[in-house]
């Protein structure tokens, strides 16, 4: 029998989410059953094993073959991390800000297309500002050198 495939988390049925949480799922025939999101890969693996026991999987297909009974697997499996109302509100706010940012980008692209003379003027302005800043820094540097030379003499 070929060795069991394990994900990057090191456990069967556990994937890491981009936000740092660990997601557990198990397949039963054509169905993919979500077991929830957990803080650590170990907790997610314990939840996978509890589901595997319920589905009657052999112990060799589990992450922790030392667990001997369904009750022991259920006792070791943590409850999934719950999304609170605050989590949902934060997610909604982030989505709203993302939509606003996307709309801003769209509007700015339309403005650039309709008013190329404003873009050219803005580029000239910033070029003048860079030249003035460079000239001012150069004069300040020369002034410091002159004062230092006078102080040393």
N, C-alpha and C. Protein backbone atom coordinates (compact mmCIF):
# COMPACT_ATOMS: atom_id res chain seq x y z
N UNK A 1 0.84 -1.17 0.00
CA UNK A 1 0.00 0.00 0.00
C UNK A 1 0.89 1.24 0.00
N UNK A 2 0.64 2.23 -0.89
CA UNK A 2 1.49 3.42 -0.93
C UNK A 2 1.30 4.26 0.34
N UNK A 3 2.33 5.03 0.70
CA UNK A 3 2.20 5.85 1.91
C UNK A 3 1.12 6.91 1.74
N UNK A 4 0.51 7.27 2.84
CA UNK A 4 -0.55 8.25 2.85
C UNK A 4 0.00 9.65 2.55
N UNK A 5 -0.68 10.39 1.70
CA UNK A 5 -0.27 11.76 1.39
C UNK A 5 -0.60 12.67 2.55
N UNK A 6 0.34 13.53 2.90
CA UNK A 6 0.10 14.51 3.95
C UNK A 6 0.30 15.89 3.36
N UNK A 7 -0.46 16.84 3.85
CA UNK A 7 -0.36 18.20 3.35
C UNK A 7 0.87 18.89 3.94
N UNK A 8 1.06 20.14 3.58
CA UNK A 8 2.20 20.91 4.09
C UNK A 8 2.14 21.06 5.60
N UNK A 9 0.95 20.93 6.18
CA UNK A 9 0.82 21.06 7.63
C UNK A 9 1.40 19.85 8.35
N UNK A 10 1.59 18.75 7.63
CA UNK A 10 2.09 17.54 8.24
C UNK A 10 1.00 16.58 8.66
N UNK A 11 -0.25 16.95 8.49
CA UNK A 11 -1.37 16.11 8.90
C UNK A 11 -2.30 15.89 7.72
N UNK A 12 -2.93 14.74 7.72
CA UNK A 12 -3.90 14.41 6.69
C UNK A 12 -5.19 15.19 6.94
N UNK A 13 -5.74 15.80 5.88
CA UNK A 13 -7.00 16.51 6.00
C UNK A 13 -6.90 17.90 6.60
N UNK A 14 -5.69 18.44 6.73
CA UNK A 14 -5.49 19.75 7.35
C UNK A 14 -4.73 20.65 6.39
N UNK A 15 -5.26 21.85 6.17
CA UNK A 15 -4.60 22.85 5.32
C UNK A 15 -4.46 24.14 6.10
N UNK A 16 -3.38 24.87 5.80
CA UNK A 16 -3.20 26.16 6.46
C UNK A 16 -3.86 27.26 5.63
N UNK A 17 -4.58 28.12 6.31
CA UNK A 17 -5.23 29.26 5.66
C UNK A 17 -4.24 30.42 5.56
N UNK A 18 -4.48 31.34 4.62
CA UNK A 18 -3.59 32.51 4.52
C UNK A 18 -3.56 33.36 5.79
N UNK A 19 -4.62 33.33 6.58
CA UNK A 19 -4.66 34.13 7.81
C UNK A 19 -3.95 33.46 8.97
N UNK A 20 -3.38 32.27 8.75
CA UNK A 20 -2.63 31.58 9.79
C UNK A 20 -3.41 30.49 10.50
N UNK A 21 -4.71 30.42 10.31
CA UNK A 21 -5.50 29.36 10.92
C UNK A 21 -5.35 28.06 10.13
N UNK A 22 -5.83 26.97 10.70
CA UNK A 22 -5.74 25.68 10.05
C UNK A 22 -7.15 25.15 9.82
N UNK A 23 -7.40 24.69 8.60
CA UNK A 23 -8.71 24.25 8.16
C UNK A 23 -8.69 22.73 8.04
N UNK A 24 -9.68 22.07 8.64
CA UNK A 24 -9.78 20.61 8.58
C UNK A 24 -11.00 20.22 7.75
N UNK A 25 -10.81 19.23 6.90
CA UNK A 25 -11.91 18.69 6.12
C UNK A 25 -11.66 17.21 5.89
N UNK A 26 -12.73 16.48 5.61
CA UNK A 26 -12.62 15.05 5.35
C UNK A 26 -13.57 14.71 4.21
N UNK A 27 -13.18 13.77 3.40
CA UNK A 27 -14.02 13.35 2.29
C UNK A 27 -14.76 12.06 2.66
N UNK A 28 -16.01 12.02 2.23
CA UNK A 28 -16.81 10.83 2.42
C UNK A 28 -17.51 10.56 1.09
N UNK A 29 -16.94 9.67 0.33
CA UNK A 29 -17.45 9.43 -1.03
C UNK A 29 -17.17 10.65 -1.88
N UNK A 30 -18.21 11.20 -2.48
CA UNK A 30 -18.06 12.41 -3.29
C UNK A 30 -18.21 13.69 -2.47
N UNK A 31 -18.57 13.56 -1.22
CA UNK A 31 -18.79 14.74 -0.38
C UNK A 31 -17.50 15.18 0.32
N UNK A 32 -17.32 16.47 0.43
CA UNK A 32 -16.23 17.03 1.22
C UNK A 32 -16.87 17.69 2.44
N UNK A 33 -16.56 17.16 3.61
CA UNK A 33 -17.16 17.66 4.84
C UNK A 33 -16.19 18.62 5.53
N UNK A 34 -16.63 19.85 5.73
CA UNK A 34 -15.81 20.84 6.42
C UNK A 34 -15.90 20.60 7.92
N UNK A 35 -14.75 20.58 8.57
CA UNK A 35 -14.71 20.36 10.02
C UNK A 35 -14.41 21.63 10.79
N UNK A 36 -14.14 22.71 10.08
CA UNK A 36 -13.92 23.99 10.76
C UNK A 36 -12.49 24.48 10.68
N UNK A 37 -12.27 25.64 11.27
CA UNK A 37 -10.96 26.27 11.31
C UNK A 37 -10.46 26.25 12.74
N UNK A 38 -9.18 25.95 12.92
CA UNK A 38 -8.58 25.80 14.24
C UNK A 38 -7.33 26.66 14.34
N UNK A 39 -6.90 26.91 15.56
CA UNK A 39 -5.72 27.74 15.78
C UNK A 39 -4.42 27.02 15.45
N UNK A 40 -4.36 25.72 15.66
CA UNK A 40 -3.13 24.97 15.38
C UNK A 40 -3.44 23.78 14.47
N UNK A 41 -2.40 23.30 13.80
CA UNK A 41 -2.56 22.14 12.93
C UNK A 41 -2.89 20.90 13.75
N UNK A 42 -2.35 20.82 14.96
CA UNK A 42 -2.60 19.67 15.82
C UNK A 42 -4.08 19.57 16.19
N UNK A 43 -4.69 20.70 16.53
CA UNK A 43 -6.12 20.70 16.86
C UNK A 43 -6.96 20.28 15.65
N UNK A 44 -6.61 20.78 14.48
CA UNK A 44 -7.35 20.43 13.27
C UNK A 44 -7.20 18.93 12.97
N UNK A 45 -6.00 18.40 13.21
CA UNK A 45 -5.78 16.97 12.98
C UNK A 45 -6.60 16.12 13.96
N UNK A 46 -6.73 16.59 15.19
CA UNK A 46 -7.57 15.87 16.16
C UNK A 46 -9.03 15.86 15.71
N UNK A 47 -9.51 16.99 15.16
CA UNK A 47 -10.88 17.05 14.65
C UNK A 47 -11.06 16.10 13.47
N UNK A 48 -10.03 16.03 12.60
CA UNK A 48 -10.08 15.11 11.46
C UNK A 48 -10.21 13.67 11.96
N UNK A 49 -9.42 13.32 12.97
CA UNK A 49 -9.47 11.95 13.49
C UNK A 49 -10.83 11.62 14.10
N UNK A 50 -11.43 12.57 14.81
CA UNK A 50 -12.76 12.32 15.39
C UNK A 50 -13.77 12.05 14.28
N UNK A 51 -13.70 12.83 13.20
CA UNK A 51 -14.61 12.60 12.06
C UNK A 51 -14.30 11.27 11.39
N UNK A 52 -13.02 10.93 11.28
CA UNK A 52 -12.65 9.65 10.67
C UNK A 52 -13.20 8.48 11.48
N UNK A 53 -13.17 8.59 12.81
CA UNK A 53 -13.75 7.55 13.66
C UNK A 53 -15.24 7.43 13.39
N UNK A 54 -15.92 8.57 13.30
CA UNK A 54 -17.37 8.55 13.07
C UNK A 54 -17.71 7.91 11.73
N UNK A 55 -16.84 8.11 10.73
CA UNK A 55 -17.09 7.54 9.40
C UNK A 55 -16.60 6.11 9.28
N UNK A 56 -16.03 5.57 10.34
CA UNK A 56 -15.61 4.17 10.35
C UNK A 56 -14.33 3.92 9.57
N UNK A 57 -13.47 4.91 9.48
CA UNK A 57 -12.19 4.74 8.77
C UNK A 57 -11.24 3.88 9.60
N UNK A 58 -10.36 3.13 8.92
CA UNK A 58 -9.36 2.35 9.67
C UNK A 58 -8.37 3.28 10.38
N UNK A 59 -7.80 2.82 11.47
CA UNK A 59 -6.88 3.66 12.25
C UNK A 59 -5.65 4.05 11.47
N UNK A 60 -5.27 3.28 10.47
CA UNK A 60 -4.09 3.62 9.68
C UNK A 60 -4.29 4.88 8.85
N UNK A 61 -5.53 5.26 8.59
CA UNK A 61 -5.80 6.47 7.82
C UNK A 61 -5.92 7.71 8.71
N UNK A 62 -5.69 7.55 9.98
CA UNK A 62 -5.84 8.67 10.91
C UNK A 62 -4.48 9.30 11.20
N UNK A 63 -4.52 10.50 11.71
CA UNK A 63 -3.29 11.21 12.05
C UNK A 63 -2.66 10.69 13.33
N UNK A 64 -3.48 10.22 14.26
CA UNK A 64 -3.00 9.73 15.55
C UNK A 64 -3.49 8.31 15.76
N UNK A 65 -2.76 7.31 15.26
CA UNK A 65 -3.25 5.92 15.36
C UNK A 65 -3.24 5.38 16.79
N UNK A 66 -2.67 6.13 17.74
CA UNK A 66 -2.65 5.65 19.12
C UNK A 66 -3.99 5.80 19.82
N UNK A 67 -4.91 6.58 19.23
CA UNK A 67 -6.26 6.74 19.81
C UNK A 67 -7.03 5.44 19.54
N UNK A 68 -7.60 4.87 20.60
CA UNK A 68 -8.17 3.52 20.49
C UNK A 68 -9.70 3.48 20.34
N UNK A 69 -10.40 4.55 20.76
CA UNK A 69 -11.87 4.51 20.71
C UNK A 69 -12.42 5.82 20.17
N UNK A 70 -13.66 5.77 19.72
CA UNK A 70 -14.33 6.97 19.25
C UNK A 70 -14.45 7.99 20.37
N UNK A 71 -14.80 7.53 21.57
CA UNK A 71 -14.96 8.46 22.69
C UNK A 71 -13.65 9.16 23.01
N UNK A 72 -12.55 8.42 22.95
CA UNK A 72 -11.24 9.04 23.20
C UNK A 72 -10.94 10.08 22.12
N UNK A 73 -11.26 9.80 20.87
CA UNK A 73 -11.03 10.76 19.78
C UNK A 73 -11.89 11.99 19.97
N UNK A 74 -13.16 11.80 20.39
CA UNK A 74 -14.05 12.94 20.63
C UNK A 74 -13.57 13.79 21.80
N UNK A 75 -13.05 13.14 22.83
CA UNK A 75 -12.55 13.88 23.99
C UNK A 75 -11.34 14.74 23.63
N UNK A 76 -10.51 14.24 22.73
CA UNK A 76 -9.29 14.97 22.35
C UNK A 76 -9.54 16.05 21.30
N UNK A 77 -10.64 15.92 20.56
CA UNK A 77 -10.91 16.88 19.47
C UNK A 77 -11.46 18.18 20.06
N UNK A 78 -10.87 19.31 19.70
CA UNK A 78 -11.38 20.60 20.19
C UNK A 78 -12.58 21.03 19.36
N UNK A 79 -13.33 21.98 19.91
CA UNK A 79 -14.44 22.53 19.12
C UNK A 79 -13.86 23.53 18.14
N UNK A 80 -14.50 23.70 16.98
CA UNK A 80 -13.96 24.64 15.99
C UNK A 80 -14.01 26.07 16.48
N UNK A 81 -13.10 26.88 15.95
CA UNK A 81 -13.07 28.30 16.29
C UNK A 81 -14.32 28.96 15.72
N UNK A 82 -15.05 29.67 16.55
CA UNK A 82 -16.29 30.29 16.12
C UNK A 82 -16.02 31.69 15.61
N UNK A 83 -16.75 32.07 14.57
CA UNK A 83 -16.67 33.44 14.07
C UNK A 83 -17.69 34.26 14.84
N UNK A 84 -17.21 35.25 15.55
CA UNK A 84 -18.09 36.09 16.35
C UNK A 84 -18.69 37.20 15.50
N UNK A 85 -19.62 37.92 16.09
CA UNK A 85 -20.21 39.06 15.40
C UNK A 85 -19.15 40.11 15.10
N UNK A 86 -18.17 40.24 16.01
CA UNK A 86 -17.09 41.19 15.78
C UNK A 86 -16.24 40.76 14.58
N UNK A 87 -15.96 39.47 14.45
CA UNK A 87 -15.21 38.96 13.30
C UNK A 87 -15.95 39.28 12.00
N UNK A 88 -17.24 39.05 11.99
CA UNK A 88 -18.04 39.33 10.79
C UNK A 88 -18.05 40.82 10.47
N UNK A 89 -18.15 41.66 11.51
CA UNK A 89 -18.16 43.11 11.29
C UNK A 89 -16.82 43.58 10.73
N UNK A 90 -15.72 43.04 11.26
CA UNK A 90 -14.39 43.41 10.74
C UNK A 90 -14.24 42.97 9.29
N UNK A 91 -14.72 41.78 8.98
CA UNK A 91 -14.63 41.29 7.60
C UNK A 91 -15.45 42.17 6.67
N UNK A 92 -16.65 42.55 7.11
CA UNK A 92 -17.51 43.42 6.29
C UNK A 92 -16.84 44.77 6.05
N UNK A 93 -16.23 45.32 7.10
CA UNK A 93 -15.54 46.61 6.95
C UNK A 93 -14.37 46.50 5.99
N UNK A 94 -13.62 45.42 6.08
CA UNK A 94 -12.50 45.21 5.15
C UNK A 94 -12.99 45.09 3.72
N UNK A 95 -14.07 44.36 3.52
CA UNK A 95 -14.63 44.21 2.18
C UNK A 95 -15.09 45.56 1.63
N UNK A 96 -15.72 46.36 2.49
CA UNK A 96 -16.19 47.68 2.07
C UNK A 96 -15.02 48.57 1.65
N UNK A 97 -13.93 48.55 2.45
CA UNK A 97 -12.74 49.35 2.11
C UNK A 97 -12.12 48.88 0.81
N UNK A 98 -12.12 47.57 0.59
CA UNK A 98 -11.58 47.03 -0.65
C UNK A 98 -12.40 47.51 -1.85
N UNK A 99 -13.72 47.49 -1.72
CA UNK A 99 -14.58 47.97 -2.80
C UNK A 99 -14.35 49.46 -3.07
N UNK A 100 -14.19 50.24 -2.02
CA UNK A 100 -13.92 51.67 -2.20
C UNK A 100 -12.60 51.88 -2.91
N UNK A 101 -11.57 51.13 -2.51
CA UNK A 101 -10.26 51.26 -3.15
C UNK A 101 -10.32 50.87 -4.62
N UNK A 102 -11.06 49.81 -4.93
CA UNK A 102 -11.19 49.40 -6.32
C UNK A 102 -11.93 50.46 -7.14
N UNK A 103 -12.94 51.05 -6.56
CA UNK A 103 -13.68 52.10 -7.25
C UNK A 103 -12.80 53.32 -7.46
N UNK A 104 -11.98 53.67 -6.46
CA UNK A 104 -11.03 54.79 -6.61
C UNK A 104 -10.07 54.54 -7.77
N UNK A 105 -9.54 53.32 -7.85
CA UNK A 105 -8.62 52.99 -8.95
C UNK A 105 -9.31 53.13 -10.30
N UNK A 106 -10.55 52.66 -10.37
CA UNK A 106 -11.29 52.75 -11.63
C UNK A 106 -11.52 54.21 -12.03
N UNK A 107 -11.93 55.01 -11.06
CA UNK A 107 -12.20 56.42 -11.34
C UNK A 107 -10.92 57.15 -11.74
N UNK A 108 -9.81 56.86 -11.06
CA UNK A 108 -8.53 57.50 -11.41
C UNK A 108 -8.08 57.10 -12.81
N UNK A 109 -8.27 55.86 -13.19
CA UNK A 109 -7.90 55.42 -14.54
C UNK A 109 -8.75 56.16 -15.57
N UNK A 110 -10.02 56.32 -15.28
CA UNK A 110 -10.90 57.06 -16.20
C UNK A 110 -10.46 58.53 -16.29
N UNK A 111 -10.10 59.13 -15.16
CA UNK A 111 -9.63 60.52 -15.15
C UNK A 111 -8.36 60.66 -15.99
N UNK A 112 -7.42 59.74 -15.80
CA UNK A 112 -6.17 59.79 -16.59
C UNK A 112 -6.46 59.67 -18.08
N UNK A 113 -7.43 58.85 -18.44
CA UNK A 113 -7.77 58.67 -19.85
C UNK A 113 -8.41 59.94 -20.42
N UNK A 114 -9.27 60.58 -19.65
CA UNK A 114 -9.99 61.75 -20.15
C UNK A 114 -9.17 63.05 -20.10
N UNK A 115 -8.22 63.14 -19.17
CA UNK A 115 -7.49 64.39 -18.96
C UNK A 115 -5.97 64.17 -18.98
N UNK A 116 -5.41 63.82 -20.12
CA UNK A 116 -3.96 63.58 -20.18
C UNK A 116 -3.15 64.85 -19.90
N UNK A 117 -3.73 66.05 -20.16
CA UNK A 117 -2.99 67.29 -19.91
C UNK A 117 -2.76 67.48 -18.41
N UNK A 118 -3.70 67.04 -17.57
CA UNK A 118 -3.50 67.13 -16.13
C UNK A 118 -2.37 66.21 -15.67
N UNK A 119 -2.28 65.06 -16.28
CA UNK A 119 -1.22 64.11 -15.93
C UNK A 119 0.13 64.70 -16.31
N UNK A 120 0.21 65.30 -17.51
CA UNK A 120 1.48 65.91 -17.94
C UNK A 120 1.85 67.06 -17.00
N UNK A 121 0.88 67.88 -16.61
CA UNK A 121 1.15 68.99 -15.71
C UNK A 121 1.64 68.47 -14.35
N UNK A 122 1.01 67.43 -13.85
CA UNK A 122 1.41 66.86 -12.56
C UNK A 122 2.84 66.32 -12.63
N UNK A 123 3.18 65.65 -13.73
CA UNK A 123 4.53 65.13 -13.87
C UNK A 123 5.55 66.26 -13.93
N UNK A 124 5.23 67.35 -14.63
CA UNK A 124 6.14 68.51 -14.68
C UNK A 124 6.30 69.11 -13.28
N UNK A 125 5.20 69.22 -12.55
CA UNK A 125 5.25 69.78 -11.20
C UNK A 125 6.20 68.99 -10.31
N UNK A 126 6.05 67.66 -10.31
CA UNK A 126 6.89 66.84 -9.44
C UNK A 126 8.34 66.86 -9.90
N UNK A 127 8.59 66.98 -11.18
CA UNK A 127 9.96 67.10 -11.67
C UNK A 127 10.58 68.41 -11.16
N UNK A 128 9.82 69.52 -11.22
CA UNK A 128 10.31 70.79 -10.69
C UNK A 128 10.60 70.68 -9.20
N UNK A 129 9.68 70.04 -8.46
CA UNK A 129 9.88 69.88 -7.02
C UNK A 129 11.15 69.09 -6.71
N UNK A 130 11.40 68.01 -7.46
CA UNK A 130 12.61 67.21 -7.25
C UNK A 130 13.85 68.04 -7.51
N UNK A 131 13.83 68.82 -8.61
CA UNK A 131 14.99 69.67 -8.93
C UNK A 131 15.21 70.71 -7.83
N UNK A 132 14.14 71.35 -7.34
CA UNK A 132 14.27 72.34 -6.28
C UNK A 132 14.81 71.71 -5.00
N UNK A 133 14.29 70.53 -4.65
CA UNK A 133 14.77 69.84 -3.45
C UNK A 133 16.24 69.47 -3.58
N UNK A 134 16.63 69.00 -4.75
CA UNK A 134 18.03 68.63 -4.98
C UNK A 134 18.91 69.86 -4.86
N UNK A 135 18.50 70.96 -5.47
CA UNK A 135 19.27 72.21 -5.42
C UNK A 135 19.38 72.71 -3.98
N UNK A 136 18.27 72.68 -3.24
CA UNK A 136 18.27 73.13 -1.85
C UNK A 136 19.19 72.28 -1.00
N UNK A 137 19.14 70.95 -1.15
CA UNK A 137 20.02 70.07 -0.38
C UNK A 137 21.49 70.31 -0.71
N UNK A 138 21.77 70.52 -1.99
CA UNK A 138 23.14 70.78 -2.41
C UNK A 138 23.65 72.07 -1.77
N UNK A 139 22.82 73.14 -1.76
CA UNK A 139 23.21 74.41 -1.15
C UNK A 139 23.41 74.25 0.36
N UNK A 140 22.53 73.49 1.02
CA UNK A 140 22.69 73.26 2.46
C UNK A 140 23.98 72.51 2.75
N UNK A 141 24.31 71.53 1.94
CA UNK A 141 25.54 70.76 2.11
C UNK A 141 26.76 71.65 1.96
N UNK A 142 26.75 72.49 0.90
CA UNK A 142 27.87 73.42 0.70
C UNK A 142 27.99 74.40 1.85
N UNK A 143 26.85 74.89 2.34
CA UNK A 143 26.86 75.82 3.46
C UNK A 143 27.46 75.17 4.70
N UNK A 144 27.07 73.92 4.99
CA UNK A 144 27.64 73.20 6.14
C UNK A 144 29.14 73.03 6.00
N UNK A 145 29.58 72.71 4.80
CA UNK A 145 31.02 72.54 4.57
C UNK A 145 31.77 73.85 4.80
N UNK A 146 31.18 74.98 4.31
CA UNK A 146 31.82 76.29 4.49
C UNK A 146 31.93 76.64 5.97
N UNK A 147 30.81 76.42 6.71
CA UNK A 147 30.84 76.74 8.14
C UNK A 147 31.84 75.87 8.88
N UNK A 148 31.92 74.58 8.50
CA UNK A 148 32.87 73.68 9.15
C UNK A 148 34.30 74.12 8.85
N UNK A 149 34.55 74.50 7.59
CA UNK A 149 35.88 74.95 7.22
C UNK A 149 36.26 76.22 7.99
N UNK A 150 35.31 77.15 8.16
CA UNK A 150 35.59 78.37 8.93
C UNK A 150 35.83 78.06 10.40
N UNK A 151 35.09 77.08 10.94
CA UNK A 151 35.26 76.72 12.36
C UNK A 151 36.61 76.05 12.59
N UNK A 152 37.08 75.27 11.62
CA UNK A 152 38.35 74.56 11.76
C UNK A 152 39.56 75.49 11.53
N UNK A 153 39.37 76.57 10.80
CA UNK A 153 40.49 77.45 10.47
C UNK A 153 40.87 78.38 11.56
